[in-house]
Amino acid sequence: MSDMPTDVLELRAAEERKRLHNSISELRMQVREKLDIRRNARQYLAPASAVAGLFGVVLGYGFAGMFTRR
């Protein structure tokens, strides 16, 4: 087996569990930040509005073009 005493192995296992717990907590925090609807809406409101407006203009121009003669 191992030459290390049991108490040292238990201590190392406890440290590893704590590190794993901390990394999982950090990952959860990062996922919450990435999926935060309010923050994303605030950040991307202007570009989304510009794209929607441009799409509306193109769609309206195309729709009006169907009913006008040249």
C-alpha atoms as a PDB file:
ATOM      1  CA  MET A   1       0.000   0.000   0.000  1.00  0.00           C
ATOM      2  CA  SER A   2       1.206   3.482   0.830  1.00  0.00           C
ATOM      3  CA  ASP A   3       4.003   4.593   3.160  1.00  0.00           C
ATOM      4  CA  MET A   4       2.094   7.710   4.221  1.00  0.00           C
ATOM      5  CA  PRO A   5       0.247   7.799   7.551  1.00  0.00           C
ATOM      6  CA  THR A   6      -3.515   7.746   7.480  1.00  0.00           C
ATOM      7  CA  ASP A   7      -3.907  11.182   9.054  1.00  0.00           C
ATOM      8  CA  VAL A   8      -1.757  12.779   6.313  1.00  0.00           C
ATOM      9  CA  LEU A   9      -3.849  11.091   3.636  1.00  0.00           C
ATOM     10  CA  GLU A  10      -7.047  12.276   5.315  1.00  0.00           C
ATOM     11  CA  LEU A  11      -5.685  15.823   5.466  1.00  0.00           C
ATOM     12  CA  ARG A  12      -4.750  15.764   1.782  1.00  0.00           C
ATOM     13  CA  ALA A  13      -8.192  14.381   0.892  1.00  0.00           C
ATOM     14  CA  ALA A  14      -9.876  17.154   2.895  1.00  0.00           C
ATOM     15  CA  GLU A  15      -7.759  19.802   1.133  1.00  0.00           C
ATOM     16  CA  GLU A  16      -8.614  18.308  -2.244  1.00  0.00           C
ATOM     17  CA  ARG A  17     -12.338  18.306  -1.405  1.00  0.00           C
ATOM     18  CA  LYS A  18     -12.109  21.956  -0.364  1.00  0.00           C
ATOM     19  CA  ARG A  19     -10.316  22.891  -3.608  1.00  0.00           C
ATOM     20  CA  LEU A  20     -12.922  21.002  -5.619  1.00  0.00           C
ATOM     21  CA  HIS A  21     -15.751  22.714  -3.730  1.00  0.00           C
ATOM     22  CA  ASN A  22     -14.203  26.133  -4.356  1.00  0.00           C
ATOM     23  CA  SER A  23     -13.747  25.488  -8.071  1.00  0.00           C
ATOM     24  CA  ILE A  24     -17.353  24.306  -8.399  1.00  0.00           C
ATOM     25  CA  SER A  25     -18.571  27.392  -6.552  1.00  0.00           C
ATOM     26  CA  GLU A  26     -16.530  29.600  -8.872  1.00  0.00           C
ATOM     27  CA  LEU A  27     -17.927  27.801 -11.925  1.00  0.00           C
ATOM     28  CA  ARG A  28     -21.495  28.282 -10.683  1.00  0.00           C
ATOM     29  CA  MET A  29     -20.836  32.002 -10.175  1.00  0.00           C
ATOM     30  CA  GLN A  30     -19.445  32.353 -13.702  1.00  0.00           C
ATOM     31  CA  VAL A  31     -22.425  30.524 -15.200  1.00  0.00           C
ATOM     32  CA  ARG A  32     -24.850  32.767 -13.293  1.00  0.00           C
ATOM     33  CA  GLU A  33     -23.047  35.854 -14.579  1.00  0.00           C
ATOM     34  CA  LYS A  34     -23.071  34.607 -18.183  1.00  0.00           C
ATOM     35  CA  LEU A  35     -26.780  33.727 -18.041  1.00  0.00           C
ATOM     36  CA  ASP A  36     -27.893  36.892 -16.218  1.00  0.00           C
ATOM     37  CA  ILE A  37     -30.760  38.163 -18.373  1.00  0.00           C
ATOM     38  CA  ARG A  38     -30.757  41.735 -17.036  1.00  0.00           C
ATOM     39  CA  ARG A  39     -27.033  42.215 -17.562  1.00  0.00           C
ATOM     40  CA  ASN A  40     -27.123  40.698 -21.032  1.00  0.00           C
ATOM     41  CA  ALA A  41     -30.157  42.771 -22.007  1.00  0.00           C
ATOM     42  CA  ARG A  42     -28.448  45.945 -20.812  1.00  0.00           C
ATOM     43  CA  GLN A  43     -25.245  45.072 -22.638  1.00  0.00           C
ATOM     44  CA  TYR A  44     -26.799  44.038 -25.959  1.00  0.00           C
ATOM     45  CA  LEU A  45     -29.911  46.257 -26.116  1.00  0.00           C
ATOM     46  CA  ALA A  46     -28.482  48.793 -28.574  1.00  0.00           C
ATOM     47  CA  PRO A  47     -27.066  46.247 -31.078  1.00  0.00           C
ATOM     48  CA  ALA A  48     -30.245  44.139 -30.892  1.00  0.00           C
ATOM     49  CA  SER A  49     -32.394  47.225 -31.480  1.00  0.00           C
ATOM     50  CA  ALA A  50     -30.257  48.245 -34.452  1.00  0.00           C
ATOM     51  CA  VAL A  51     -30.516  44.784 -36.014  1.00  0.00           C
ATOM     52  CA  ALA A  52     -34.285  44.664 -35.437  1.00  0.00           C
ATOM     53  CA  GLY A  53     -34.696  48.142 -36.924  1.00  0.00           C
ATOM     54  CA  LEU A  54     -32.611  47.295 -39.969  1.00  0.00           C
ATOM     55  CA  PHE A  55     -34.562  44.073 -40.444  1.00  0.00           C
ATOM     56  CA  GLY A  56     -37.833  46.029 -40.228  1.00  0.00           C
ATOM     57  CA  VAL A  57     -36.687  48.553 -42.825  1.00  0.00           C
ATOM     58  CA  VAL A  58     -35.548  45.838 -45.234  1.00  0.00           C
ATOM     59  CA  LEU A  59     -38.744  43.847 -44.723  1.00  0.00           C
ATOM     60  CA  GLY A  60     -40.917  46.946 -45.155  1.00  0.00           C
ATOM     61  CA  TYR A  61     -39.064  48.029 -48.292  1.00  0.00           C
ATOM     62  CA  GLY A  62     -39.433  44.534 -49.769  1.00  0.00           C
ATOM     63  CA  PHE A  63     -43.104  44.330 -48.863  1.00  0.00           C
ATOM     64  CA  ALA A  64     -43.811  47.777 -50.336  1.00  0.00           C
ATOM     65  CA  GLY A  65     -41.868  46.812 -53.471  1.00  0.00           C
ATOM     66  CA  MET A  66     -44.382  44.052 -54.161  1.00  0.00           C
ATOM     67  CA  PHE A  67     -47.175  46.598 -54.549  1.00  0.00           C
ATOM     68  CA  THR A  68     -45.439  49.340 -56.514  1.00  0.00           C
ATOM     69  CA  ARG A  69     -44.849  49.397 -60.258  1.00  0.00           C
ATOM     70  CA  ARG A  70     -41.784  50.618 -61.989  1.00  0.00           C
END
